[in-house]
C-alpha atoms as a PDB file:
ATOM      1  CA  MET A   1     -20.853  82.620   5.923  1.00  0.00           C
ATOM      2  CA  ASN A   2     -19.465  81.767   2.394  1.00  0.00           C
ATOM      3  CA  LEU A   3     -16.371  79.556   3.334  1.00  0.00           C
ATOM      4  CA  HIS A   4     -15.179  80.273  -0.198  1.00  0.00           C
ATOM      5  CA  ARG A   5     -14.220  83.815   1.109  1.00  0.00           C
ATOM      6  CA  ILE A   6     -12.314  82.953   4.202  1.00  0.00           C
ATOM      7  CA  ASP A   7      -8.758  83.967   4.503  1.00  0.00           C
ATOM      8  CA  LEU A   8      -6.440  81.557   6.500  1.00  0.00           C
ATOM      9  CA  ASN A   9      -4.438  84.495   7.109  1.00  0.00           C
ATOM     10  CA  LEU A  10      -6.617  86.253   9.039  1.00  0.00           C
ATOM     11  CA  PHE A  11      -6.588  83.209  11.540  1.00  0.00           C
ATOM     12  CA  ALA A  12      -2.974  83.360  11.936  1.00  0.00           C
ATOM     13  CA  VAL A  13      -3.311  86.768  12.892  1.00  0.00           C
ATOM     14  CA  PHE A  14      -6.219  86.482  15.466  1.00  0.00           C
ATOM     15  CA  ASP A  15      -3.851  83.775  16.745  1.00  0.00           C
ATOM     16  CA  ALA A  16      -1.356  86.412  17.504  1.00  0.00           C
ATOM     17  CA  ILE A  17      -3.623  89.267  19.002  1.00  0.00           C
ATOM     18  CA  TYR A  18      -4.930  86.454  21.327  1.00  0.00           C
ATOM     19  CA  THR A  19      -1.557  85.294  22.339  1.00  0.00           C
ATOM     20  CA  ALA A  20       0.351  88.841  22.280  1.00  0.00           C
ATOM     21  CA  GLY A  21      -2.390  90.756  23.503  1.00  0.00           C
ATOM     22  CA  SER A  22      -1.621  93.739  21.743  1.00  0.00           C
ATOM     23  CA  LEU A  23      -1.961  94.796  18.132  1.00  0.00           C
ATOM     24  CA  THR A  24       1.432  96.182  18.142  1.00  0.00           C
ATOM     25  CA  LYS A  25       3.004  93.175  19.516  1.00  0.00           C
ATOM     26  CA  ALA A  26       0.972  90.965  17.180  1.00  0.00           C
ATOM     27  CA  ALA A  27       2.480  93.260  14.387  1.00  0.00           C
ATOM     28  CA  ASP A  28       6.311  92.045  15.648  1.00  0.00           C
ATOM     29  CA  VAL A  29       5.464  88.503  15.994  1.00  0.00           C
ATOM     30  CA  LEU A  30       4.315  88.076  12.547  1.00  0.00           C
ATOM     31  CA  CYS A  31       6.604  90.806  10.944  1.00  0.00           C
ATOM     32  CA  ILE A  32       3.862  92.874   9.055  1.00  0.00           C
ATOM     33  CA  THR A  33       2.948  96.783  10.005  1.00  0.00           C
ATOM     34  CA  GLN A  34       0.171  97.587  12.832  1.00  0.00           C
ATOM     35  CA  PRO A  35      -1.674  99.008  10.499  1.00  0.00           C
ATOM     36  CA  ALA A  36      -1.879  95.809   8.020  1.00  0.00           C
ATOM     37  CA  VAL A  37      -2.853  93.722  11.651  1.00  0.00           C
ATOM     38  CA  SER A  38      -5.806  96.393  12.293  1.00  0.00           C
ATOM     39  CA  ASN A  39      -6.990  95.597   8.718  1.00  0.00           C
ATOM     40  CA  SER A  40      -7.009  91.496   9.017  1.00  0.00           C
ATOM     41  CA  LEU A  41      -8.585  92.140  12.396  1.00  0.00           C
ATOM     42  CA  ALA A  42     -11.364  94.285  10.983  1.00  0.00           C
ATOM     43  CA  ARG A  43     -11.980  92.159   7.995  1.00  0.00           C
ATOM     44  CA  LEU A  44     -12.092  89.096  10.360  1.00  0.00           C
ATOM     45  CA  ARG A  45     -14.585  90.849  12.966  1.00  0.00           C
ATOM     46  CA  GLU A  46     -16.933  91.647   9.832  1.00  0.00           C
ATOM     47  CA  MET A  47     -16.827  87.952   8.686  1.00  0.00           C
ATOM     48  CA  LEU A  48     -17.846  86.814  12.177  1.00  0.00           C
ATOM     49  CA  ASN A  49     -20.078  89.232  13.316  1.00  0.00           C
ATOM     50  CA  ASP A  50     -18.062  89.969  16.439  1.00  0.00           C
ATOM     51  CA  PRO A  51     -15.361  92.532  17.773  1.00  0.00           C
ATOM     52  CA  LEU A  52     -13.494  89.560  19.166  1.00  0.00           C
ATOM     53  CA  PHE A  53     -11.050  91.794  21.269  1.00  0.00           C
ATOM     54  CA  VAL A  54     -12.007  95.047  23.301  1.00  0.00           C
ATOM     55  CA  ARG A  55      -9.513  97.540  24.564  1.00  0.00           C
ATOM     56  CA  THR A  56      -8.974  97.477  28.306  1.00  0.00           C
ATOM     57  CA  GLY A  57      -6.014  99.751  28.786  1.00  0.00           C
ATOM     58  CA  HIS A  58      -2.879  98.406  26.789  1.00  0.00           C
ATOM     59  CA  SER A  59      -4.060  95.562  26.370  1.00  0.00           C
ATOM     60  CA  MET A  60      -6.743  93.774  24.216  1.00  0.00           C
ATOM     61  CA  THR A  61      -9.147  90.893  25.915  1.00  0.00           C
ATOM     62  CA  PRO A  62     -10.875  88.645  24.165  1.00  0.00           C
ATOM     63  CA  THR A  63     -15.042  88.402  23.695  1.00  0.00           C
ATOM     64  CA  PRO A  64     -16.615  84.789  24.578  1.00  0.00           C
ATOM     65  CA  VAL A  65     -16.930  84.230  20.766  1.00  0.00           C
ATOM     66  CA  ALA A  66     -13.071  84.753  20.620  1.00  0.00           C
ATOM     67  CA  GLN A  67     -12.259  82.559  23.297  1.00  0.00           C
ATOM     68  CA  ASN A  68     -14.580  80.147  21.771  1.00  0.00           C
ATOM     69  CA  ILE A  69     -12.684  79.614  18.698  1.00  0.00           C
ATOM     70  CA  ILE A  70      -9.143  79.901  19.509  1.00  0.00           C
ATOM     71  CA  GLY A  71      -8.885  76.472  20.085  1.00  0.00           C
ATOM     72  CA  PRO A  72     -10.337  74.962  17.152  1.00  0.00           C
ATOM     73  CA  ALA A  73      -8.308  78.142  15.375  1.00  0.00           C
ATOM     74  CA  ARG A  74      -5.143  77.055  16.639  1.00  0.00           C
ATOM     75  CA  GLU A  75      -5.766  73.413  15.921  1.00  0.00           C
ATOM     76  CA  ALA A  76      -6.536  73.987  12.300  1.00  0.00           C
ATOM     77  CA  LEU A  77      -3.483  76.100  12.245  1.00  0.00           C
ATOM     78  CA  GLY A  78      -1.453  73.312  13.874  1.00  0.00           C
ATOM     79  CA  LEU A  79      -2.707  71.411  11.445  1.00  0.00           C
ATOM     80  CA  LEU A  80      -2.197  73.120   8.122  1.00  0.00           C
ATOM     81  CA  ARG A  81       1.779  74.015   9.546  1.00  0.00           C
ATOM     82  CA  LYS A  82       2.437  70.356   9.988  1.00  0.00           C
ATOM     83  CA  SER A  83       0.938  69.441   6.694  1.00  0.00           C
ATOM     84  CA  VAL A  84       3.066  72.098   5.164  1.00  0.00           C
ATOM     85  CA  GLN A  85       5.859  70.692   6.777  1.00  0.00           C
ATOM     86  CA  GLU A  86       5.402  66.836   6.389  1.00  0.00           C
ATOM     87  CA  SER A  87       5.277  68.078   2.462  1.00  0.00           C
ATOM     88  CA  HIS A  88       8.844  68.408   2.460  1.00  0.00           C
ATOM     89  CA  ILE A  89      10.097  64.831   4.352  1.00  0.00           C
ATOM     90  CA  PHE A  90       9.731  62.215   2.109  1.00  0.00           C
ATOM     91  CA  ASP A  91      10.375  58.604   4.030  1.00  0.00           C
ATOM     92  CA  PRO A  92      10.405  56.057   1.628  1.00  0.00           C
ATOM     93  CA  LEU A  93      10.247  53.525   4.396  1.00  0.00           C
ATOM     94  CA  LYS A  94       6.656  54.843   5.391  1.00  0.00           C
ATOM     95  CA  ALA A  95       5.228  56.305   2.231  1.00  0.00           C
ATOM     96  CA  GLU A  96       2.182  55.296   0.589  1.00  0.00           C
ATOM     97  CA  LYS A  97       2.258  56.214  -2.907  1.00  0.00           C
ATOM     98  CA  THR A  98       1.707  55.410  -6.850  1.00  0.00           C
ATOM     99  CA  TYR A  99       4.188  56.611  -9.028  1.00  0.00           C
ATOM    100  CA  SER A 100       3.014  56.504 -12.619  1.00  0.00           C
ATOM    101  CA  PHE A 101       5.086  56.292 -15.429  1.00  0.00           C
ATOM    102  CA  ALA A 102       4.501  56.132 -19.484  1.00  0.00           C
ATOM    103  CA  THR A 103       7.026  54.117 -21.295  1.00  0.00           C
ATOM    104  CA  ARG A 104       7.177  52.090 -24.215  1.00  0.00           C
ATOM    105  CA  ASP A 105       7.190  48.085 -23.916  1.00  0.00           C
ATOM    106  CA  LEU A 106      10.990  47.935 -24.357  1.00  0.00           C
ATOM    107  CA  LEU A 107      11.542  50.631 -20.994  1.00  0.00           C
ATOM    108  CA  GLU A 108       8.640  48.655 -19.373  1.00  0.00           C
ATOM    109  CA  ALA A 109      10.545  45.492 -19.803  1.00  0.00           C
ATOM    110  CA  THR A 110      14.510  46.523 -19.288  1.00  0.00           C
ATOM    111  CA  ILE A 111      14.011  49.154 -16.796  1.00  0.00           C
ATOM    112  CA  MET A 112      10.629  48.292 -14.612  1.00  0.00           C
ATOM    113  CA  PRO A 113      11.826  44.795 -13.150  1.00  0.00           C
ATOM    114  CA  ARG A 114      15.074  46.471 -11.698  1.00  0.00           C
ATOM    115  CA  LEU A 115      12.945  49.318 -10.363  1.00  0.00           C
ATOM    116  CA  LEU A 116      10.748  47.353  -8.411  1.00  0.00           C
ATOM    117  CA  ALA A 117      13.208  44.896  -6.982  1.00  0.00           C
ATOM    118  CA  LEU A 118      14.863  48.073  -5.613  1.00  0.00           C
ATOM    119  CA  LEU A 119      11.775  49.239  -4.112  1.00  0.00           C
ATOM    120  CA  GLN A 120      10.643  46.033  -2.446  1.00  0.00           C
ATOM    121  CA  LYS A 121      13.725  46.696  -0.301  1.00  0.00           C
ATOM    122  CA  SER A 122      13.711  50.310   0.127  1.00  0.00           C
ATOM    123  CA  ALA A 123       9.978  51.193  -0.168  1.00  0.00           C
ATOM    124  CA  PRO A 124       7.805  48.498   0.325  1.00  0.00           C
ATOM    125  CA  LYS A 125       4.550  50.567   0.303  1.00  0.00           C
ATOM    126  CA  ILE A 126       5.589  52.291  -2.901  1.00  0.00           C
ATOM    127  CA  SER A 127       3.969  51.049  -6.427  1.00  0.00           C
ATOM    128  CA  VAL A 128       4.118  52.013  -9.729  1.00  0.00           C
ATOM    129  CA  THR A 129       1.989  51.780 -12.613  1.00  0.00           C
ATOM    130  CA  ASN A 130       3.451  52.328 -16.465  1.00  0.00           C
ATOM    131  CA  TYR A 131       0.294  52.898 -19.183  1.00  0.00           C
ATOM    132  CA  GLU A 132       0.362  53.909 -22.448  1.00  0.00           C
ATOM    133  CA  VAL A 133      -0.149  58.428 -23.253  1.00  0.00           C
ATOM    134  CA  SER A 134      -0.064  59.811 -26.505  1.00  0.00           C
ATOM    135  CA  ARG A 135       3.111  61.533 -27.280  1.00  0.00           C
ATOM    136  CA  LYS A 136       0.852  65.165 -27.465  1.00  0.00           C
ATOM    137  CA  ASN A 137      -1.141  64.420 -24.217  1.00  0.00           C
ATOM    138  CA  ILE A 138       1.691  64.077 -22.125  1.00  0.00           C
ATOM    139  CA  VAL A 139       2.417  67.349 -21.071  1.00  0.00           C
ATOM    140  CA  SER A 140      -0.932  67.910 -20.105  1.00  0.00           C
ATOM    141  CA  ALA A 141      -1.109  64.354 -18.579  1.00  0.00           C
ATOM    142  CA  MET A 142       1.760  65.364 -16.257  1.00  0.00           C
ATOM    143  CA  ALA A 143       0.368  68.840 -15.588  1.00  0.00           C
ATOM    144  CA  SER A 144      -3.040  67.312 -14.374  1.00  0.00           C
ATOM    145  CA  GLY A 145      -0.958  65.153 -11.867  1.00  0.00           C
ATOM    146  CA  ASN A 146      -1.968  61.854 -13.589  1.00  0.00           C
ATOM    147  CA  LEU A 147       1.446  61.370 -14.924  1.00  0.00           C
ATOM    148  CA  ASP A 148       4.771  61.190 -13.054  1.00  0.00           C
ATOM    149  CA  PHE A 149       7.006  60.462 -15.340  1.00  0.00           C
ATOM    150  CA  TYR A 150       7.455  59.731 -19.442  1.00  0.00           C
ATOM    151  CA  ALA A 151      10.453  57.897 -20.619  1.00  0.00           C
ATOM    152  CA  ASP A 152      11.811  57.268 -24.203  1.00  0.00           C
ATOM    153  CA  ALA A 153      14.456  56.655 -26.750  1.00  0.00           C
ATOM    154  CA  SER A 154      13.964  59.684 -28.625  1.00  0.00           C
ATOM    155  CA  SER A 155      14.658  63.399 -27.706  1.00  0.00           C
ATOM    156  CA  PHE A 156      11.574  65.244 -26.675  1.00  0.00           C
ATOM    157  CA  SER A 157      11.408  69.598 -26.090  1.00  0.00           C
ATOM    158  CA  ASP A 158       8.782  71.280 -24.385  1.00  0.00           C
ATOM    159  CA  GLN A 159       9.100  74.437 -22.080  1.00  0.00           C
ATOM    160  CA  TYR A 160       7.245  72.564 -19.495  1.00  0.00           C
ATOM    161  CA  LEU A 161       9.316  69.645 -18.849  1.00  0.00           C
ATOM    162  CA  CYS A 162      12.264  68.911 -17.182  1.00  0.00           C
ATOM    163  CA  LYS A 163      14.767  66.052 -18.964  1.00  0.00           C
ATOM    164  CA  GLN A 164      17.378  63.587 -17.569  1.00  0.00           C
ATOM    165  CA  LYS A 165      19.367  61.241 -19.868  1.00  0.00           C
ATOM    166  CA  LEU A 166      18.785  57.786 -18.151  1.00  0.00           C
ATOM    167  CA  ALA A 167      21.117  55.374 -20.420  1.00  0.00           C
ATOM    168  CA  GLN A 168      22.004  54.287 -23.802  1.00  0.00           C
ATOM    169  CA  ASP A 169      22.620  51.598 -25.515  1.00  0.00           C
ATOM    170  CA  ARG A 170      22.995  50.032 -29.037  1.00  0.00           C
ATOM    171  CA  PHE A 171      21.330  48.015 -32.182  1.00  0.00           C
ATOM    172  CA  VAL A 172      22.007  44.672 -32.730  1.00  0.00           C
ATOM    173  CA  VAL A 173      20.879  42.158 -35.799  1.00  0.00           C
ATOM    174  CA  ILE A 174      18.645  38.943 -34.404  1.00  0.00           C
ATOM    175  CA  ALA A 175      17.953  35.625 -36.093  1.00  0.00           C
ATOM    176  CA  ARG A 176      17.126  32.439 -35.163  1.00  0.00           C
ATOM    177  CA  LYS A 177      19.903  30.038 -34.465  1.00  0.00           C
ATOM    178  CA  ASN A 178      21.425  27.865 -37.645  1.00  0.00           C
ATOM    179  CA  HIS A 179      20.144  30.347 -39.791  1.00  0.00           C
ATOM    180  CA  PRO A 180      20.987  29.082 -43.303  1.00  0.00           C
ATOM    181  CA  ASP A 181      21.701  32.436 -44.902  1.00  0.00           C
ATOM    182  CA  LEU A 182      23.759  33.429 -42.052  1.00  0.00           C
ATOM    183  CA  THR A 183      26.659  30.794 -41.754  1.00  0.00           C
ATOM    184  CA  ASN A 184      29.587  33.504 -42.204  1.00  0.00           C
ATOM    185  CA  GLY A 185      27.880  35.661 -40.293  1.00  0.00           C
ATOM    186  CA  MET A 186      26.153  39.370 -40.768  1.00  0.00           C
ATOM    187  CA  SER A 187      27.294  40.999 -43.626  1.00  0.00           C
ATOM    188  CA  LEU A 188      25.597  44.481 -45.250  1.00  0.00           C
ATOM    189  CA  GLU A 189      24.670  41.993 -48.498  1.00  0.00           C
ATOM    190  CA  ALA A 190      22.910  39.399 -46.308  1.00  0.00           C
ATOM    191  CA  PHE A 191      21.350  42.627 -44.163  1.00  0.00           C
ATOM    192  CA  LEU A 192      19.871  43.686 -46.951  1.00  0.00           C
ATOM    193  CA  ARG A 193      18.705  40.196 -49.007  1.00  0.00           C
ATOM    194  CA  LEU A 194      17.111  39.218 -46.015  1.00  0.00           C
ATOM    195  CA  GLY A 195      13.367  39.991 -44.908  1.00  0.00           C
ATOM    196  CA  HIS A 196      13.506  42.344 -41.842  1.00  0.00           C
ATOM    197  CA  ILE A 197      10.571  42.877 -38.747  1.00  0.00           C
ATOM    198  CA  ASN A 198      10.751  46.948 -38.409  1.00  0.00           C
ATOM    199  CA  VAL A 199       9.378  48.203 -34.898  1.00  0.00           C
ATOM    200  CA  SER A 200       8.276  51.924 -35.257  1.00  0.00           C
ATOM    201  CA  GLN A 201       5.488  53.608 -33.349  1.00  0.00           C
ATOM    202  CA  ARG A 202       4.464  55.324 -36.734  1.00  0.00           C
ATOM    203  CA  ARG A 203       2.378  53.851 -39.313  1.00  0.00           C
ATOM    204  CA  THR A 204       4.853  55.233 -41.870  1.00  0.00           C
ATOM    205  CA  GLY A 205       7.890  56.967 -41.997  1.00  0.00           C
ATOM    206  CA  PRO A 206      12.001  56.467 -41.971  1.00  0.00           C
ATOM    207  CA  GLY A 207      13.749  55.171 -38.610  1.00  0.00           C
ATOM    208  CA  PRO A 208      17.378  55.701 -37.791  1.00  0.00           C
ATOM    209  CA  ILE A 209      18.143  52.441 -39.726  1.00  0.00           C
ATOM    210  CA  GLU A 210      16.529  53.520 -42.885  1.00  0.00           C
ATOM    211  CA  VAL A 211      18.372  56.912 -42.519  1.00  0.00           C
ATOM    212  CA  ALA A 212      21.923  55.174 -42.032  1.00  0.00           C
ATOM    213  CA  LEU A 213      21.130  52.927 -44.849  1.00  0.00           C
ATOM    214  CA  ASP A 214      19.753  55.645 -46.846  1.00  0.00           C
ATOM    215  CA  LYS A 215      23.217  57.321 -46.487  1.00  0.00           C
ATOM    216  CA  LEU A 216      24.866  54.396 -48.313  1.00  0.00           C
ATOM    217  CA  GLY A 217      22.553  54.398 -51.334  1.00  0.00           C
ATOM    218  CA  GLU A 218      20.951  51.210 -49.700  1.00  0.00           C
ATOM    219  CA  LYS A 219      16.957  50.220 -48.944  1.00  0.00           C
ATOM    220  CA  ARG A 220      16.230  47.246 -46.580  1.00  0.00           C
ATOM    221  CA  THR A 221      12.819  44.759 -47.181  1.00  0.00           C
ATOM    222  CA  VAL A 222      10.309  45.169 -44.154  1.00  0.00           C
ATOM    223  CA  VAL A 223       7.963  42.159 -44.172  1.00  0.00           C
ATOM    224  CA  MET A 224       6.536  43.403 -41.045  1.00  0.00           C
ATOM    225  CA  ARG A 225       6.029  46.837 -39.384  1.00  0.00           C
ATOM    226  CA  GLY A 226       4.942  46.794 -35.664  1.00  0.00           C
ATOM    227  CA  GLN A 227       4.781  48.752 -32.629  1.00  0.00           C
ATOM    228  CA  HIS A 228       6.194  46.693 -29.751  1.00  0.00           C
ATOM    229  CA  PHE A 229       9.322  45.142 -29.598  1.00  0.00           C
ATOM    230  CA  LEU A 230       8.802  42.303 -27.286  1.00  0.00           C
ATOM    231  CA  THR A 231       6.782  40.735 -30.462  1.00  0.00           C
ATOM    232  CA  VAL A 232       9.610  40.559 -32.299  1.00  0.00           C
ATOM    233  CA  PRO A 233      11.901  37.555 -30.945  1.00  0.00           C
ATOM    234  CA  SER A 234       9.120  35.056 -30.473  1.00  0.00           C
ATOM    235  CA  ALA A 235       8.587  35.826 -34.783  1.00  0.00           C
ATOM    236  CA  VAL A 236      12.244  36.025 -35.543  1.00  0.00           C
ATOM    237  CA  PHE A 237      12.377  32.295 -33.796  1.00  0.00           C
ATOM    238  CA  LYS A 238       9.818  30.959 -36.139  1.00  0.00           C
ATOM    239  CA  THR A 239      11.103  32.472 -39.172  1.00  0.00           C
ATOM    240  CA  GLU A 240      14.294  33.452 -41.116  1.00  0.00           C
ATOM    241  CA  LEU A 241      13.018  37.137 -40.959  1.00  0.00           C
ATOM    242  CA  ILE A 242      15.862  39.103 -39.051  1.00  0.00           C
ATOM    243  CA  ALA A 243      15.314  42.309 -36.860  1.00  0.00           C
ATOM    244  CA  CYS A 244      17.296  44.911 -35.098  1.00  0.00           C
ATOM    245  CA  LEU A 245      16.997  45.294 -31.742  1.00  0.00           C
ATOM    246  CA  PRO A 246      18.355  47.028 -28.702  1.00  0.00           C
ATOM    247  CA  TYR A 247      21.117  44.910 -27.203  1.00  0.00           C
ATOM    248  CA  HIS A 248      19.972  45.040 -23.752  1.00  0.00           C
ATOM    249  CA  LEU A 249      16.584  43.509 -24.573  1.00  0.00           C
ATOM    250  CA  ALA A 250      17.821  41.221 -27.345  1.00  0.00           C
ATOM    251  CA  LYS A 251      20.347  39.249 -25.429  1.00  0.00           C
ATOM    252  CA  HIS A 252      17.980  38.227 -22.946  1.00  0.00           C
ATOM    253  CA  TYR A 253      16.203  35.710 -25.941  1.00  0.00           C
ATOM    254  CA  ASP A 254      17.826  32.624 -27.063  1.00  0.00           C
ATOM    255  CA  LEU A 255      18.652  33.913 -30.613  1.00  0.00           C
ATOM    256  CA  SER A 256      21.996  34.404 -32.781  1.00  0.00           C
ATOM    257  CA  LEU A 257      23.034  38.073 -32.089  1.00  0.00           C
ATOM    258  CA  TYR A 258      25.286  39.877 -34.262  1.00  0.00           C
ATOM    259  CA  GLU A 259      26.788  43.391 -34.901  1.00  0.00           C
ATOM    260  CA  MET A 260      25.124  45.838 -37.143  1.00  0.00           C
ATOM    261  CA  PRO A 261      26.790  45.825 -40.687  1.00  0.00           C
ATOM    262  CA  PHE A 262      27.597  49.602 -41.058  1.00  0.00           C
ATOM    263  CA  GLU A 263      27.534  52.381 -38.440  1.00  0.00           C
ATOM    264  CA  LEU A 264      24.737  53.471 -36.224  1.00  0.00           C
ATOM    265  CA  PRO A 265      24.094  56.017 -33.833  1.00  0.00           C
ATOM    266  CA  LEU A 266      23.693  55.166 -29.927  1.00  0.00           C
ATOM    267  CA  LEU A 267      19.929  54.688 -28.347  1.00  0.00           C
ATOM    268  CA  GLU A 268      19.813  57.315 -25.957  1.00  0.00           C
ATOM    269  CA  TYR A 269      17.066  57.023 -23.511  1.00  0.00           C
ATOM    270  CA  PHE A 270      15.501  59.922 -21.623  1.00  0.00           C
ATOM    271  CA  LEU A 271      13.314  60.528 -18.663  1.00  0.00           C
ATOM    272  CA  TYR A 272      11.027  63.404 -18.396  1.00  0.00           C
ATOM    273  CA  TRP A 273       9.170  64.878 -15.797  1.00  0.00           C
ATOM    274  CA  HIS A 274       7.155  68.332 -15.133  1.00  0.00           C
ATOM    275  CA  VAL A 275       8.608  71.731 -13.796  1.00  0.00           C
ATOM    276  CA  SER A 276       5.898  71.595 -11.418  1.00  0.00           C
ATOM    277  CA  SER A 277       7.620  68.395  -9.473  1.00  0.00           C
ATOM    278  CA  ASP A 278      11.046  69.370  -9.904  1.00  0.00           C
ATOM    279  CA  LEU A 279      11.795  70.602  -6.238  1.00  0.00           C
ATOM    280  CA  ASP A 280       9.374  67.671  -4.949  1.00  0.00           C
ATOM    281  CA  ASP A 281      11.231  65.680  -2.345  1.00  0.00           C
ATOM    282  CA  ALA A 282       9.144  62.248  -3.371  1.00  0.00           C
ATOM    283  CA  HIS A 283      10.049  63.025  -7.315  1.00  0.00           C
ATOM    284  CA  ILE A 284      13.509  63.998  -6.399  1.00  0.00           C
ATOM    285  CA  TRP A 285      13.723  60.326  -4.800  1.00  0.00           C
ATOM    286  CA  MET A 286      12.245  58.537  -7.343  1.00  0.00           C
ATOM    287  CA  ARG A 287      14.449  60.008 -10.207  1.00  0.00           C
ATOM    288  CA  GLU A 288      17.631  59.335  -7.852  1.00  0.00           C
ATOM    289  CA  GLN A 289      16.482  55.591  -7.457  1.00  0.00           C
ATOM    290  CA  ILE A 290      16.281  55.113 -11.524  1.00  0.00           C
ATOM    291  CA  ALA A 291      19.437  57.392 -12.370  1.00  0.00           C
ATOM    292  CA  GLN A 292      21.252  54.925  -9.725  1.00  0.00           C
ATOM    293  CA  MET A 293      19.784  51.664 -11.128  1.00  0.00           C
ATOM    294  CA  VAL A 294      20.623  52.437 -14.771  1.00  0.00           C
ATOM    295  CA  LYS A 295      24.514  53.338 -13.962  1.00  0.00           C
ATOM    296  CA  ALA A 296      25.147  49.530 -15.423  1.00  0.00           C
ATOM    297  CA  TYR A 297      23.358  50.120 -18.119  1.00  0.00           C
ATOM    298  CA  HIS A 298      25.980  50.058 -20.918  1.00  0.00           C
ATOM    299  CA  PRO A 299      25.901  49.635 -24.586  1.00  0.00           C
ATOM    300  CA  THR A 300      28.203  46.759 -24.323  1.00  0.00           C
END
């Protein structure tokens, strides 16, 4: 017998016939036509090479083969029904699950600690992972089930992704304390004169700060260009370089913070997930926890 060709629906029909003792009554129970029940029984008879039921008067009497398999068949159908039902019930206190994230160091440093603190109380058996996934591979990683969430500070559009705005932040300028060139604060002239550390995932190309400066007809001096926000504070602490960092990260370091000396749009953080997970209870629960956690995440 080729198990790959077995239709589980046939055993549901088999169970209904066995219980009702009639094709007509089985059809009523299953809400299908009697010819459909007869067709399913014929297919099951051919697959198992046994008549399964013989007509005795107005009822269908099960054969010994049918009597032998009804128990295991009902048990299997019961397990399947239970699995389907439980797949829609998510209990965070009992659930053992790992959620996979792809976020940059900025969000890992600011959001993950809060999320873990929350999970320790409400979902002690749930764990999270965060690893780098190339932007071009985000959709395929989600579609394959290898990635649950992608979070970034830039908008990302795809027909297979759902999106939710998480929070917003603002850039500030950081410098070491008692910086000799900043005794009078952060003016545009000082901002342009000093060397900068720029953070970008791209090797080349303008970022939001360059775009804003270009509108003013100005350009800053970038001494170092790197990929990670978390490496910047230590470099600023040891040098006379300055850098622009999101406020909610910069405020944690023993450095001087200055408001930007020109207008700059707010940073916006977005959470993405695959459409196939949009109605999943476990996925919805995690999205709710993240949304609740970032409510206090304001740009001021």
